[in-house]
Amino acid sequence: MNRAGLCLFAVLGLSLGLASPGFSADLPDGSQLLAQVDAIRFPENFFARITMTTVSPGETDKVMTLDNTHRKSFGSFLEIQAPARSKGTKMLTQEGTLWMYNPKSGSTKPLRLAPRDSFQGSSFSNSDVSKTSFTEEYAGTTEGEDTIETVEFGTVKAWRLRADATTPEAAYGHIILWVRQGDLLPLKFDYYAKSGLLFRQMVLSEYKQLAGRIRATRLEMTSLDKKGTKTVLHIDRMDLRDDIPDTLYNLTNLTK
């Protein structure tokens, strides 16, 4: 084959996606996809009522109800409503740090919580519950596409998205997300520790109209270091809010 023929073959190969096994011209941009997943999971400013149920072998189910008031660029203000022994416990994210104050503890100072630690004994981490944006701490790369089975939608085509930590404060080393092609609904997440060990797995379901768009209302998290234990987080209610005061996110206000 002469030189002109080789050049033509190379051009045709590229147009057909034959340049290499890793050719990714058809894959969505990972950073944009991660931002879109964030927008589908939660709006920028909202109030949500949440019920968390933790199931462990041989133990009574633990049920907790809490409110989350979130404002973009400020963070999340959480307050436990039930059970009675925990009612009034408040948590606040401020500059990436989660603080907790329990008025029944006898202390007048809030306690700083580690992002990766369990949230109130559940399978979720403190970061999972208090932070609503992946893009603040992770960078997205679209790795490919998979065919996966879901209870709600059956067999679906999904983008496989990898989110790598960009700050030392991130709770995980990286997260693998599967996102349905087309409407980009997030389907399941695998959370990896900074050591590379698979640490938690979450399945999203029960998609409903919520705060202006279709969102998952049921998030089931399994913590792999606790065999047989899982927590279901159910979003009972979510309202868009544009009237959230700045003062709610003041650390001094947390102890009032």
Protein backbone atom coordinates (compact mmCIF):
# COMPACT_ATOMS: atom_id res chain seq x y z
CA MET A 1 0.00 0.00 0.00
CA ASN A 2 1.41 3.40 -0.97
CA ARG A 3 1.72 6.36 1.42
CA ALA A 4 -1.52 8.00 0.25
CA GLY A 5 -3.39 4.76 0.84
CA LEU A 6 -1.99 4.45 4.37
CA CYS A 7 -3.12 7.98 5.23
CA LEU A 8 -6.61 7.29 3.92
CA PHE A 9 -6.81 4.06 5.95
CA ALA A 10 -5.74 5.93 9.12
CA VAL A 11 -8.42 8.57 8.61
CA LEU A 12 -11.10 5.95 8.00
CA GLY A 13 -9.93 4.00 11.05
CA LEU A 14 -10.28 7.04 13.28
CA SER A 15 -13.73 7.87 11.94
CA LEU A 16 -14.90 4.32 12.69
CA GLY A 17 -13.42 4.32 16.19
CA LEU A 18 -10.75 1.74 15.28
CA ALA A 19 -7.72 3.75 16.35
CA SER A 20 -7.24 1.78 19.58
CA PRO A 21 -9.23 -0.31 22.11
CA GLY A 22 -9.31 2.71 24.41
CA PHE A 23 -10.72 5.13 21.85
CA SER A 24 -13.27 7.23 23.74
CA ALA A 25 -14.65 9.83 21.33
CA ASP A 26 -18.21 8.74 22.16
CA LEU A 27 -17.81 8.83 25.95
CA PRO A 28 -19.27 11.85 27.77
CA ASP A 29 -16.86 14.21 29.51
CA GLY A 30 -16.30 12.90 33.04
CA SER A 31 -16.28 16.28 34.76
CA GLN A 32 -19.54 17.34 33.12
CA LEU A 33 -21.14 13.96 33.82
CA LEU A 34 -20.22 14.14 37.52
CA ALA A 35 -21.71 17.64 37.75
CA GLN A 36 -24.91 16.39 36.09
CA VAL A 37 -25.13 13.53 38.59
CA ASP A 38 -24.81 16.07 41.41
CA ALA A 39 -27.68 18.12 39.99
CA ILE A 40 -29.91 15.04 39.69
CA ARG A 41 -29.18 13.81 43.20
CA PHE A 42 -29.87 17.11 45.00
CA PRO A 43 -30.90 20.68 44.13
CA GLU A 44 -28.71 23.60 45.17
CA ASN A 45 -30.95 24.89 47.98
CA PHE A 46 -33.44 22.63 49.73
CA PHE A 47 -35.08 21.29 52.85
CA ALA A 48 -35.42 17.52 53.21
CA ARG A 49 -37.00 15.20 55.77
CA ILE A 50 -35.11 11.90 55.88
CA THR A 51 -35.71 8.53 57.54
CA MET A 52 -32.77 6.19 58.06
CA THR A 53 -33.28 2.53 58.99
CA THR A 54 -30.28 0.41 59.95
CA VAL A 55 -30.69 -3.38 59.94
CA SER A 56 -28.10 -5.64 61.61
CA PRO A 57 -28.26 -9.42 62.25
CA GLY A 58 -29.61 -10.23 65.72
CA GLU A 59 -30.39 -6.59 66.55
CA THR A 60 -33.53 -4.48 66.63
CA ASP A 61 -33.82 -2.17 63.63
CA LYS A 62 -32.58 1.35 64.38
CA VAL A 63 -34.76 4.10 62.92
CA MET A 64 -33.77 7.75 62.82
CA THR A 65 -35.55 10.80 61.40
CA LEU A 66 -33.62 13.95 60.60
CA ASP A 67 -33.98 17.22 58.70
CA ASN A 68 -31.39 18.55 56.27
CA THR A 69 -31.42 22.20 55.25
CA HIS A 70 -28.86 22.72 52.50
CA ARG A 71 -27.69 25.93 50.86
CA LYS A 72 -25.16 26.07 48.03
CA SER A 73 -21.76 27.49 49.07
CA PHE A 74 -22.77 27.31 52.74
CA GLY A 75 -23.31 23.60 53.42
CA SER A 76 -25.80 21.45 55.29
CA PHE A 77 -27.52 21.99 58.62
CA LEU A 78 -28.89 18.73 60.03
CA GLU A 79 -31.08 18.18 63.07
CA ILE A 80 -32.21 14.81 64.42
CA GLN A 81 -35.96 14.63 65.16
CA ALA A 82 -36.19 11.01 66.36
CA PRO A 83 -35.57 8.83 68.32
CA ALA A 84 -36.22 10.79 71.51
CA ARG A 85 -32.78 10.08 72.99
CA SER A 86 -31.11 11.78 70.01
CA LYS A 87 -33.69 14.50 69.31
CA GLY A 88 -32.14 17.95 69.16
CA THR A 89 -28.68 16.77 68.07
CA LYS A 90 -27.47 19.17 65.39
CA MET A 91 -24.78 18.93 62.74
CA LEU A 92 -23.27 21.54 60.47
CA THR A 93 -20.88 21.43 57.53
CA GLN A 94 -18.59 24.43 57.45
CA GLU A 95 -15.69 24.77 55.01
CA GLY A 96 -15.72 21.02 54.37
CA THR A 97 -15.76 20.08 58.08
CA LEU A 98 -18.70 18.44 59.85
CA TRP A 99 -19.47 19.58 63.39
CA MET A 100 -21.94 18.01 65.83
CA TYR A 101 -23.56 19.37 68.96
CA ASN A 102 -25.63 17.26 71.35
CA PRO A 103 -27.42 19.43 73.93
CA LYS A 104 -27.80 16.38 76.19
CA SER A 105 -24.05 15.74 76.36
CA GLY A 106 -23.40 18.43 78.97
CA SER A 107 -20.77 20.08 76.78
CA THR A 108 -21.08 23.62 75.44
CA LYS A 109 -18.73 22.99 72.50
CA PRO A 110 -19.41 21.25 69.19
CA LEU A 111 -17.50 18.09 68.30
CA ARG A 112 -15.61 17.75 65.04
CA LEU A 113 -16.48 14.56 63.13
CA ALA A 114 -14.29 12.61 60.71
CA PRO A 115 -15.79 12.46 57.17
CA ARG A 116 -15.28 8.71 56.75
CA ASP A 117 -16.63 7.62 60.15
CA SER A 118 -20.08 6.06 60.46
CA PHE A 119 -22.98 8.50 60.70
CA GLN A 120 -24.77 7.74 63.97
CA GLY A 121 -23.90 4.02 63.77
CA SER A 122 -25.35 3.61 60.26
CA SER A 123 -23.74 2.18 57.10
CA PHE A 124 -23.46 5.73 55.72
CA SER A 125 -20.46 7.89 56.49
CA ASN A 126 -20.71 11.38 57.96
CA SER A 127 -19.72 12.72 54.54
CA ASP A 128 -22.39 10.68 52.71
CA VAL A 129 -25.16 12.29 54.74
CA SER A 130 -23.88 15.84 55.13
CA LYS A 131 -22.42 16.59 51.69
CA THR A 132 -24.46 16.78 48.50
CA SER A 133 -21.81 17.46 45.86
CA PHE A 134 -19.15 15.10 44.51
CA THR A 135 -17.54 17.79 42.34
CA GLU A 136 -16.32 19.73 45.38
CA GLU A 137 -13.94 16.91 46.35
CA TYR A 138 -13.65 14.58 43.34
CA ALA A 139 -12.72 14.75 39.65
CA GLY A 140 -14.70 12.64 37.20
CA THR A 141 -13.45 10.39 34.39
CA THR A 142 -15.81 8.36 32.20
CA GLU A 143 -14.25 4.90 31.99
CA GLY A 144 -16.68 3.17 29.65
CA GLU A 145 -20.16 1.69 29.43
CA ASP A 146 -21.66 -1.39 31.09
CA THR A 147 -24.89 -3.34 30.93
CA ILE A 148 -26.29 -3.72 34.44
CA GLU A 149 -29.36 -5.23 36.07
CA THR A 150 -31.69 -3.07 38.15
CA VAL A 151 -34.85 -3.97 40.06
CA GLU A 152 -36.72 -0.91 38.86
CA PHE A 153 -35.68 -0.66 35.19
CA GLY A 154 -34.51 -4.19 34.36
CA THR A 155 -31.44 -4.42 32.11
CA VAL A 156 -30.02 -0.99 31.24
CA LYS A 157 -27.01 0.54 29.52
CA ALA A 158 -25.00 2.68 31.91
CA TRP A 159 -21.94 4.90 31.83
CA ARG A 160 -19.24 3.84 34.27
CA LEU A 161 -17.85 6.98 35.88
CA ARG A 162 -14.83 7.13 38.18
CA ALA A 163 -14.56 9.99 40.69
CA ASP A 164 -11.07 10.44 42.18
CA ALA A 165 -10.46 12.44 45.33
CA THR A 166 -8.87 15.85 44.76
CA THR A 167 -8.57 16.93 48.42
CA PRO A 168 -7.20 15.17 51.52
CA GLU A 169 -10.51 15.91 53.28
CA ALA A 170 -12.44 13.60 50.93
CA ALA A 171 -13.92 10.57 52.71
CA TYR A 172 -12.89 8.14 49.96
CA GLY A 173 -9.97 7.55 47.61
CA HIS A 174 -12.30 7.09 44.68
CA ILE A 175 -15.91 6.24 43.85
CA ILE A 176 -17.24 4.26 40.88
CA LEU A 177 -20.68 5.41 39.73
CA TRP A 178 -23.03 3.77 37.22
CA VAL A 179 -25.30 6.27 35.48
CA ARG A 180 -28.13 5.30 33.14
CA GLN A 181 -27.54 6.44 29.59
CA GLY A 182 -30.00 8.99 28.27
CA ASP A 183 -31.52 10.56 31.40
CA LEU A 184 -28.32 10.12 33.48
CA LEU A 185 -30.14 8.78 36.54
CA PRO A 186 -27.53 7.49 39.04
CA LEU A 187 -28.07 3.76 39.70
CA LYS A 188 -25.36 2.50 42.03
CA PHE A 189 -22.09 3.63 43.63
CA ASP A 190 -19.04 1.71 44.86
CA TYR A 191 -16.96 3.58 47.46
CA TYR A 192 -13.24 2.77 47.80
CA ALA A 193 -10.99 3.65 50.73
CA LYS A 194 -7.78 5.54 50.04
CA SER A 195 -5.97 2.20 50.34
CA GLY A 196 -7.91 0.97 47.28
CA LEU A 197 -10.15 -1.39 49.29
CA LEU A 198 -13.86 -1.52 48.38
CA PHE A 199 -15.48 -0.11 51.50
CA ARG A 200 -19.17 0.65 50.87
CA GLN A 201 -21.76 -0.03 48.14
CA MET A 202 -24.98 1.88 47.51
CA VAL A 203 -27.98 1.12 45.30
CA LEU A 204 -30.40 3.92 44.38
CA SER A 205 -34.07 3.27 43.57
CA GLU A 206 -37.70 4.41 43.89
CA TYR A 207 -37.31 7.29 41.48
CA LYS A 208 -40.05 9.90 41.87
CA GLN A 209 -40.81 13.52 41.09
CA LEU A 210 -39.08 15.41 43.89
CA ALA A 211 -38.19 19.10 44.14
CA GLY A 212 -38.70 19.78 40.46
CA ARG A 213 -37.30 16.64 38.81
CA ILE A 214 -37.04 12.85 38.96
CA ARG A 215 -34.72 11.76 41.77
CA ALA A 216 -33.99 8.57 43.72
CA THR A 217 -35.85 8.56 47.03
CA ARG A 218 -34.42 5.28 48.37
CA LEU A 219 -30.67 4.87 48.95
CA GLU A 220 -29.54 1.50 50.33
CA MET A 221 -25.99 1.45 51.68
CA THR A 222 -24.01 -1.64 52.63
CA SER A 223 -20.83 -1.27 54.65
CA LEU A 224 -18.55 -4.18 53.77
CA ASP A 225 -16.76 -4.14 57.12
CA LYS A 226 -20.04 -5.01 58.89
CA LYS A 227 -21.33 -8.29 57.50
CA GLY A 228 -25.10 -8.39 57.12
CA THR A 229 -25.58 -4.74 58.09
CA LYS A 230 -27.22 -2.21 55.81
CA THR A 231 -28.91 1.16 56.09
CA VAL A 232 -31.78 2.43 53.96
CA LEU A 233 -32.01 6.20 53.66
CA HIS A 234 -35.43 7.31 52.46
CA ILE A 235 -36.13 10.89 51.39
CA ASP A 236 -39.67 11.42 52.70
CA ARG A 237 -39.93 15.01 51.54
CA MET A 238 -37.85 17.57 49.68
CA ASP A 239 -38.72 21.21 49.07
CA LEU A 240 -36.85 23.82 47.07
CA ARG A 241 -35.85 26.73 49.32
CA ASP A 242 -34.53 30.16 48.40
CA ASP A 243 -35.14 31.78 51.79
CA ILE A 244 -32.53 30.00 53.93
CA PRO A 245 -30.76 32.55 56.19
CA ASP A 246 -26.96 32.83 56.30
CA THR A 247 -27.04 32.70 60.09
CA LEU A 248 -28.15 29.05 60.04
CA TYR A 249 -24.60 28.10 59.01
CA ASN A 250 -22.85 29.91 61.83
CA LEU A 251 -20.94 27.55 64.14
CA THR A 252 -21.97 29.66 67.14
CA ASN A 253 -25.61 29.13 66.21
CA LEU A 254 -25.10 25.36 66.38
CA THR A 255 -24.92 25.39 70.18
CA LYS A 256 -28.03 27.54 70.71
